[in-house]
Protein backbone atom coordinates (compact mmCIF):
# COMPACT_ATOMS: atom_id res chain seq x y z
CA MET A 1 90.06 113.88 101.25
CA VAL A 2 87.39 113.90 98.19
CA GLY A 3 84.45 113.09 100.35
CA HIS A 4 85.61 116.23 102.53
CA ARG A 5 85.52 118.19 99.90
CA LEU A 6 81.93 117.08 98.96
CA VAL A 7 80.61 117.73 102.55
CA GLU A 8 82.04 121.17 101.98
CA GLU A 9 80.62 121.92 98.81
CA MET A 10 77.16 120.43 99.89
CA LEU A 11 77.29 122.34 103.09
CA THR A 12 78.43 125.69 101.43
CA HIS A 13 75.85 125.69 98.34
CA ASP A 14 72.73 124.04 99.95
CA ARG A 15 71.59 127.31 101.52
CA HIS A 16 68.08 126.03 102.04
CA GLY A 17 68.99 122.98 104.14
CA ARG A 18 67.40 120.35 101.69
CA TRP A 19 70.08 118.12 102.81
CA ARG A 20 71.34 115.82 105.74
CA VAL A 21 74.81 114.70 105.13
CA VAL A 22 75.91 111.13 106.54
CA VAL A 23 79.53 110.42 106.33
CA LEU A 24 80.52 106.67 106.94
CA GLY A 25 84.05 106.68 107.18
CA GLU A 26 86.34 103.41 108.08
CA GLU A 27 89.26 105.17 109.50
CA PRO A 28 88.88 106.31 113.22
CA ARG A 29 88.99 109.82 112.52
CA ALA A 30 87.53 112.74 110.52
CA ALA A 31 89.07 113.47 107.10
CA TYR A 32 92.72 114.77 107.05
CA ASP A 33 95.34 116.02 104.59
CA ARG A 34 96.74 112.50 103.11
CA VAL A 35 99.13 114.50 101.03
CA ALA A 36 101.07 115.93 103.82
CA LEU A 37 101.52 112.40 105.53
CA SER A 38 104.97 112.37 105.46
CA SER A 39 104.89 115.59 107.95
CA LEU A 40 103.79 113.21 110.74
CA LEU A 41 107.70 111.76 110.89
CA ASP A 42 109.23 115.62 111.03
CA GLY A 43 107.12 116.47 114.26
CA ALA A 44 103.63 117.18 112.85
CA THR A 45 100.50 115.68 114.72
CA PRO A 46 97.49 114.21 113.05
CA ASP A 47 95.68 117.12 114.42
CA ASP A 48 97.98 119.60 112.24
CA LEU A 49 96.47 117.64 109.43
CA ALA A 50 92.94 117.75 109.86
CA LEU A 51 90.75 119.38 107.27
CA ALA A 52 87.47 119.29 109.09
CA GLY A 53 87.12 122.17 111.64
CA PRO A 54 84.50 123.17 114.08
CA ASP A 55 82.57 124.92 111.44
CA VAL A 56 82.06 121.65 109.53
CA LEU A 57 81.91 119.09 112.53
CA GLY A 58 79.48 121.28 114.30
CA ASP A 59 77.10 121.83 111.49
CA GLY A 60 73.75 120.29 112.42
CA ARG A 61 73.35 119.00 108.92
CA LEU A 62 76.24 116.66 108.85
CA ARG A 63 76.35 113.49 110.94
CA LEU A 64 80.08 111.70 111.05
CA ARG A 65 80.65 108.04 112.00
CA PRO A 66 84.28 107.48 111.94
CA GLY A 67 85.63 103.80 112.63
CA THR A 68 82.18 102.58 110.40
CA THR A 69 82.77 100.46 107.71
CA VAL A 70 79.95 99.54 105.19
CA THR A 71 79.23 95.60 104.82
CA GLY A 72 76.36 96.19 102.34
CA VAL A 73 73.92 98.32 100.07
CA ASP A 74 70.51 97.63 99.04
CA ARG A 75 69.43 99.54 96.13
CA ARG A 76 66.06 98.77 95.74
CA ALA A 77 65.23 100.03 99.79
CA ARG A 78 67.96 102.37 99.34
CA THR A 79 69.67 101.55 102.46
CA VAL A 80 73.57 101.30 103.62
CA THR A 81 74.47 98.53 106.38
CA CYS A 82 77.51 98.71 108.70
CA ASP A 83 79.62 96.49 110.59
CA ASP A 84 77.84 97.58 113.72
CA GLY A 85 74.68 96.33 112.50
CA THR A 86 72.93 99.61 111.72
CA GLU A 87 71.23 100.59 108.72
CA THR A 88 70.90 104.15 106.78
CA GLY A 89 68.62 105.22 104.31
CA TYR A 90 69.88 107.29 101.56
CA ASP A 91 68.44 109.93 98.37
CA ALA A 92 71.98 109.92 97.11
CA LEU A 93 74.62 107.35 97.78
CA VAL A 94 78.18 108.80 96.91
CA LEU A 95 80.83 106.49 96.80
CA ALA A 96 84.05 107.74 97.83
CA THR A 97 85.89 104.68 99.18
CA GLY A 98 89.54 105.76 97.82
CA SER A 99 92.33 103.24 97.18
CA ARG A 100 94.34 100.50 98.99
CA PRO A 101 98.08 100.29 98.64
CA PHE A 102 99.39 97.81 96.32
CA VAL A 103 101.77 95.28 97.95
CA PRO A 104 103.78 93.13 95.25
CA PRO A 105 102.76 89.68 95.73
CA VAL A 106 106.42 88.44 96.64
CA PRO A 107 107.38 85.96 99.45
CA GLY A 108 107.59 87.47 102.66
CA ARG A 109 105.51 90.54 101.97
CA ASP A 110 103.58 90.20 105.32
CA LEU A 111 106.52 89.63 107.79
CA PRO A 112 106.52 91.85 110.64
CA GLY A 113 108.72 94.91 109.81
CA CYS A 114 106.86 95.24 106.60
CA PHE A 115 104.46 98.24 106.25
CA VAL A 116 102.27 100.15 103.95
CA TYR A 117 102.07 104.17 103.49
CA ARG A 118 98.25 105.22 103.38
CA THR A 119 96.87 106.14 106.82
CA VAL A 120 97.96 107.88 109.95
CA GLU A 121 98.13 104.65 111.49
CA ASP A 122 100.67 103.21 108.90
CA VAL A 123 102.91 106.02 109.56
CA ALA A 124 102.81 105.84 113.35
CA ALA A 125 103.51 102.28 113.15
CA ILE A 126 106.69 103.11 110.87
CA ARG A 127 107.71 105.68 113.38
CA ALA A 128 107.60 103.29 116.25
CA ALA A 129 109.64 100.33 114.45
CA ALA A 130 112.26 102.65 112.78
CA VAL A 131 116.09 102.25 113.94
CA ALA A 132 118.24 105.44 113.63
CA GLY A 133 121.52 104.48 112.01
CA ARG A 134 119.63 100.94 110.18
CA GLU A 135 118.76 100.49 106.64
CA ALA A 136 115.48 100.51 105.24
CA VAL A 137 114.10 100.05 101.93
CA VAL A 138 111.24 101.49 99.92
CA VAL A 139 109.29 99.87 97.33
CA GLY A 140 108.50 102.33 94.87
CA GLY A 141 110.01 105.36 93.24
CA GLY A 142 106.97 107.23 92.62
CA LEU A 143 105.93 110.46 94.70
CA LEU A 144 104.53 108.48 97.86
CA GLY A 145 107.82 105.94 97.67
CA LEU A 146 110.05 109.21 97.71
CA GLU A 147 108.12 110.83 100.51
CA ALA A 148 108.49 107.74 102.83
CA ALA A 149 112.16 107.67 101.92
CA ASN A 150 112.84 111.49 103.00
CA GLY A 151 110.80 110.73 106.08
CA LEU A 152 112.90 107.62 107.20
CA ARG A 153 115.77 109.75 106.57
CA LEU A 154 114.61 112.34 108.92
CA LEU A 155 113.83 109.64 111.49
CA GLY A 156 117.75 108.81 111.35
CA MET A 157 117.76 105.64 109.15
CA ARG A 158 119.33 105.27 105.76
CA PRO A 159 116.81 104.38 103.14
CA ARG A 160 117.11 102.70 99.81
CA VAL A 161 114.36 103.15 96.71
CA VAL A 162 113.76 100.11 94.88
CA GLU A 163 112.04 101.16 91.76
CA MET A 164 110.75 98.90 88.71
CA ALA A 165 110.96 101.55 86.23
CA PRO A 166 113.98 102.84 84.54
CA TRP A 167 113.93 106.17 86.81
CA LEU A 168 112.49 107.87 89.41
CA MET A 169 108.96 109.52 89.06
CA ALA A 170 108.51 107.74 85.88
CA GLN A 171 105.00 108.96 85.31
CA GLN A 172 105.96 112.67 85.68
CA ILE A 173 108.99 113.16 84.36
CA ASP A 174 111.38 111.95 81.51
CA GLU A 175 114.54 109.83 81.85
CA GLY A 176 116.83 113.23 82.25
CA GLY A 177 114.62 114.67 84.86
CA GLY A 178 115.08 111.20 86.86
CA ARG A 179 118.50 111.38 86.31
CA VAL A 180 118.90 114.50 88.17
CA LEU A 181 116.59 113.93 90.86
CA ALA A 182 118.20 110.50 91.50
CA GLY A 183 121.67 112.02 91.76
CA ALA A 184 120.16 114.99 93.86
CA ILE A 185 118.63 112.49 96.64
CA GLU A 186 121.79 110.02 96.29
CA ARG A 187 124.25 112.81 97.48
CA LEU A 188 121.59 113.02 100.72
CA GLY A 189 122.26 109.38 101.55
CA VAL A 190 119.45 107.75 99.73
CA GLY A 191 120.38 104.93 97.93
CA VAL A 192 118.49 104.48 94.35
CA HIS A 193 117.98 101.18 92.64
CA CYS A 194 115.68 101.49 89.41
CA SER A 195 115.12 98.79 86.84
CA SER A 196 114.75 96.64 89.77
CA ALA A 197 111.95 94.31 90.54
CA LEU A 198 111.21 93.13 93.71
CA HIS A 199 111.92 89.35 94.44
CA ALA A 200 111.68 88.55 98.15
CA VAL A 201 111.72 89.92 101.48
CA GLY A 202 113.72 87.87 104.12
CA ALA A 203 113.39 87.22 107.67
CA GLY A 204 116.31 87.29 110.47
CA PRO A 205 116.39 85.35 113.24
CA ASP A 206 113.62 86.99 115.43
CA GLY A 207 111.43 86.40 112.20
CA ARG A 208 110.95 90.22 111.33
CA ALA A 209 111.89 91.25 107.84
CA ASP A 210 115.86 91.98 107.69
CA ARG A 211 116.63 91.99 103.84
CA VAL A 212 115.23 92.60 100.43
CA GLU A 213 116.09 90.20 97.78
CA LEU A 214 115.98 91.88 94.12
CA ALA A 215 115.20 89.92 91.00
CA ASP A 216 119.21 90.37 89.55
CA GLY A 217 120.20 88.85 92.97
CA THR A 218 121.10 91.90 94.89
CA VAL A 219 120.42 91.85 98.54
CA LEU A 220 119.80 94.75 100.32
CA ASP A 221 119.83 95.02 104.07
CA ALA A 222 116.44 96.45 105.62
CA ALA A 223 115.54 96.99 109.18
CA LEU A 224 111.98 97.56 107.88
CA VAL A 225 110.65 97.47 104.45
CA VAL A 226 107.69 100.26 103.04
CA PHE A 227 105.36 99.69 100.49
CA ALA A 228 104.54 102.56 98.28
CA ALA A 229 104.32 101.19 94.83
CA GLY A 230 100.82 102.55 93.80
CA VAL A 231 97.53 102.23 94.80
CA ARG A 232 94.30 100.14 93.75
CA PRO A 233 90.86 101.70 93.39
CA ARG A 234 88.52 100.23 96.33
CA ASP A 235 85.78 99.10 94.50
CA GLU A 236 84.96 95.93 96.47
CA LEU A 237 81.38 96.95 96.79
CA ALA A 238 80.77 97.11 93.14
CA ALA A 239 80.03 93.23 92.97
CA PRO A 240 77.56 93.05 95.72
CA LEU A 241 76.01 96.30 94.36
CA GLY A 242 75.45 95.09 91.08
CA LEU A 243 77.61 97.74 89.28
CA GLU A 244 80.13 97.62 86.64
CA ARG A 245 83.93 98.29 87.25
CA GLY A 246 86.09 100.00 84.56
CA GLY A 247 88.72 98.06 82.70
CA ARG A 248 91.29 98.72 85.56
CA GLY A 249 89.11 98.68 88.49
CA GLY A 250 87.10 101.24 89.95
CA PHE A 251 83.44 101.73 89.81
CA LEU A 252 82.25 102.84 86.26
CA VAL A 253 80.52 106.42 85.86
CA ASP A 254 79.82 108.83 83.36
CA GLY A 255 81.50 112.43 82.73
CA TRP A 256 78.79 113.63 85.65
CA CYS A 257 80.23 110.99 87.92
CA ARG A 258 77.09 108.69 87.78
CA THR A 259 76.87 104.78 88.06
CA ALA A 260 74.36 103.17 86.11
CA ASP A 261 71.90 103.66 88.91
CA GLU A 262 70.62 106.97 89.19
CA HIS A 263 70.92 107.48 93.01
CA ILE A 264 74.53 106.41 93.20
CA TRP A 265 77.71 108.31 92.51
CA ALA A 266 81.42 107.91 92.51
CA ILE A 267 84.54 110.27 93.33
CA GLY A 268 87.99 110.31 93.75
CA GLU A 269 90.34 107.46 93.39
CA CYS A 270 87.45 104.73 93.54
CA ALA A 271 85.81 106.25 90.31
CA ALA A 272 86.64 104.85 86.78
CA VAL A 273 85.27 108.24 84.78
CA GLU A 274 84.68 106.96 81.49
CA GLY A 275 86.77 103.82 81.94
CA ARG A 276 89.74 106.06 83.68
CA CYS A 277 90.62 106.10 87.32
CA HIS A 278 92.45 109.38 88.30
CA GLY A 279 94.79 109.02 91.21
CA LEU A 280 95.39 112.54 92.34
CA VAL A 281 93.60 114.53 94.91
CA VAL A 282 92.85 117.55 92.33
CA PRO A 283 90.84 115.56 89.90
CA GLY A 284 89.03 114.08 92.62
CA PHE A 285 88.09 117.77 94.31
CA ARG A 286 86.68 118.49 90.65
CA MET A 287 84.73 115.35 90.94
CA ALA A 288 83.28 116.25 94.37
CA GLU A 289 82.17 119.56 93.08
CA THR A 290 80.22 118.48 89.97
CA VAL A 291 78.49 116.23 92.39
CA ALA A 292 77.74 118.55 94.75
CA ARG A 293 76.36 120.91 92.26
CA GLN A 294 74.05 118.33 90.80
CA LEU A 295 72.53 117.42 94.21
CA VAL A 296 72.05 121.06 95.36
CA ASP A 297 71.37 122.86 91.95
CA GLY A 298 70.69 119.95 89.45
CA ALA A 299 72.97 121.80 87.10
CA GLY A 300 76.60 122.15 87.44
CA GLU A 301 79.58 121.28 84.79
CA PRO A 302 80.61 117.46 83.63
CA PHE A 303 83.74 116.60 85.22
CA ALA A 304 86.10 117.87 82.43
CA GLY A 305 88.98 115.39 83.07
CA ALA A 306 92.45 115.69 85.00
CA ASP A 307 95.45 118.41 84.12
CA GLY A 308 98.28 115.75 84.76
CA SER A 309 100.59 118.44 85.36
CA ALA A 310 102.71 118.60 88.63
CA LYS A 311 105.35 120.66 90.15
CA LEU A 312 107.12 119.44 93.46
CA LYS A 313 109.87 119.42 95.82
CA LEU A 314 111.08 116.37 96.85
CA LEU A 315 113.93 115.60 99.23
CA GLY A 316 114.65 119.26 98.56
CA VAL A 317 114.82 118.75 94.82
CA GLU A 318 112.16 120.55 92.69
CA VAL A 319 110.76 119.00 89.61
CA ALA A 320 107.71 119.70 87.20
CA GLY A 321 106.42 117.74 84.66
CA PHE A 322 103.50 119.20 82.09
CA GLY A 323 101.40 118.52 79.15
CA ASP A 324 102.76 115.85 77.16
CA ALA A 325 106.18 115.57 79.00
CA HIS A 326 107.16 112.31 77.48
CA ALA A 327 106.66 113.43 73.47
CA ARG A 328 104.53 110.68 72.78
CA ALA A 329 102.34 113.00 70.09
CA PRO A 330 103.03 112.16 66.76
CA GLY A 331 105.90 114.04 65.29
CA ALA A 332 107.19 115.63 68.57
CA ILE A 333 110.02 117.35 68.59
CA GLU A 334 112.08 117.53 72.16
CA TYR A 335 114.54 120.37 72.94
CA VAL A 336 116.82 119.77 75.82
CA ARG A 337 119.18 122.13 77.97
CA GLU A 338 121.16 120.47 81.03
CA ASP A 339 123.82 121.86 83.15
CA ARG A 340 125.23 118.65 84.91
CA ARG A 341 127.20 120.88 87.18
CA ALA A 342 124.37 122.74 88.24
CA GLY A 343 122.36 119.71 88.47
CA THR A 344 119.46 121.25 86.66
CA TYR A 345 117.66 119.83 83.37
CA ALA A 346 114.96 121.47 81.43
CA LYS A 347 113.06 120.25 78.27
CA VAL A 348 110.31 121.58 76.33
CA VAL A 349 108.20 119.43 73.80
CA LEU A 350 106.93 121.12 70.72
CA ALA A 351 104.55 120.07 67.74
CA ALA A 352 105.63 118.70 64.76
CA ASP A 353 105.12 122.64 63.37
CA GLY A 354 108.13 123.55 65.67
CA ARG A 355 106.47 126.23 67.07
CA THR A 356 103.40 124.72 69.36
CA LEU A 357 104.37 123.86 73.09
CA LEU A 358 102.92 120.51 74.15
CA GLY A 359 104.65 120.00 77.62
CA GLY A 360 107.81 119.64 79.14
CA VAL A 361 110.06 118.43 81.98
CA LEU A 362 111.77 120.81 84.90
CA ALA A 363 114.16 119.55 87.66
CA GLY A 364 116.51 121.35 89.66
CA ASP A 365 114.99 124.54 88.75
CA THR A 366 111.37 124.94 88.09
CA ARG A 367 111.24 128.87 88.18
CA ALA A 368 110.13 128.84 84.35
CA TYR A 369 107.19 126.42 85.15
CA PRO A 370 104.51 128.54 85.52
CA VAL A 371 105.50 130.45 82.37
CA LEU A 372 105.92 127.25 80.42
CA ARG A 373 102.66 125.52 81.74
CA GLY A 374 100.81 128.79 80.91
CA LEU A 375 102.00 128.43 77.04
CA THR A 376 101.35 124.62 76.65
CA GLY A 377 98.72 123.95 73.74
CA ARG A 378 99.93 127.51 72.44
CA GLU A 379 102.37 128.91 69.86
CA LEU A 380 106.01 129.89 71.53
CA THR A 381 106.65 133.58 72.51
CA ALA A 382 110.32 132.87 72.20
CA SER A 383 112.69 130.31 70.66
CA PRO A 384 113.25 127.09 72.32
CA ASP A 385 116.79 127.57 73.38
CA GLU A 386 115.41 131.14 74.92
CA LEU A 387 112.66 129.02 77.01
CA LEU A 388 115.28 126.64 78.15
CA THR A 389 117.59 129.13 79.18
CA GLY A 390 115.49 130.58 81.52
CA ALA A 391 114.24 127.52 82.95
CA ALA A 392 117.72 126.55 83.45
CA GLY A 393 118.37 129.41 85.34
CA GLY A 394 120.00 131.54 82.86
CA SER A 395 119.45 135.30 81.83
C-alpha cells in the first residue's frame, strides 16, 4: 500500500516525465487494500480491494512486475537483481518491503491447519480450511487478530482469541476500554483469553492442528489456528546491502527516509525512521509523500512522525484511543465515566495542571472522538465531567 502511494505521488507530481518507475513486487498481484483484508471473508473479492486502477497501470511511465522477488542489490553499479535472473538499474531505490507476520516460536506452529493473516492468498487458504460449527483459535488480540476472529465468525466458526497482554487492543486503549470491548465481543460468541501465553499447538490423528495449549495448562480445541500476533519489518536486504538496521529492526533512515546511501530510501513498515518503526499505514503514506517530493522537486517536508490516534469498529464495537491514552506523562490525571449497563466507557487524561487535555479512550460510543481529539494538547473548553458525559452518550 505504501509503495503504491509512492507511485501515485510520483506520477501525479512528475509533470515533466523525468522519472520512470519500476515496481518489483513479490506478491502475484498489483497493490491492494491490506487494511480491508477481512472483507474477503465476508463476500468481497480481490478485485474489490485493488488500489491500482487503469489510469495508474496504463501509465507509460510505470512498469509493474508482480511475482518478482529481489535477491540482491549492487550499490556501486546501482542495479537490482531478481529471482528470475534479470537486472534493473536505478537512479533512486526505494525500499517498501513492509513486514512479515510474527509467529511465536512454539512447538506445532508449522502444522497443517496453522495460518498467518497477511495476504490475499493467506485469507483464501483460511477460507478453504474453515469448517462451520468448529472451534478456531486466533493468536493475537490486536486489531488484526480481532478482524481475523470476526472473519472466522462470519464463516460460521466459533473463534477464540488468545492474547498475552492483560486486555485486548492494549497498544491503543486502556484496561477499562479493553474490558468493554471484550464483554461486547464475548456476547457475539467470540471467546477471549487475555494474559494467556501460547505454549504449543497440538496435532490430531490426521496430523493437522486440532488444539492449542496455553502456558497455564488450558487446552482449547481448534480446527484451525490463525497467527495474528504482530509483524516484524522485512529488512533482510539490509545485510547484503551493508545498510544499518534500527534497534528493533527495519532499515535505519533519517527524517527524510534516507539511508546512509544517498541513492536509497526506505518507507512504510520496513523503515526505522530515526530508529523507530511505524506499523500503521497512514505514517507510511506520509513517508511516501516525503520521498516522492524529494525525487520530483528536490524539496518537500521531512516525515513529522506519527499520530497514534485510532478510531475503529471491531466486531461492531466502536473504540478509540488518542494522545496519551495510557496516562504516561508525569503527574497525569485520569477522569473516567463508565456505564456498564449501556456498555460504554470514556476516559480523558489531563496534564498535572488539570486543564490541558493529553489524550483519552472511548469504547462503546465514540461520538465525542472528533471533539476530544481536536482538543488534545489544548486547554479544556468544559469540565472533565461535562466532556465525559458527552463522550458516554449523555446530554
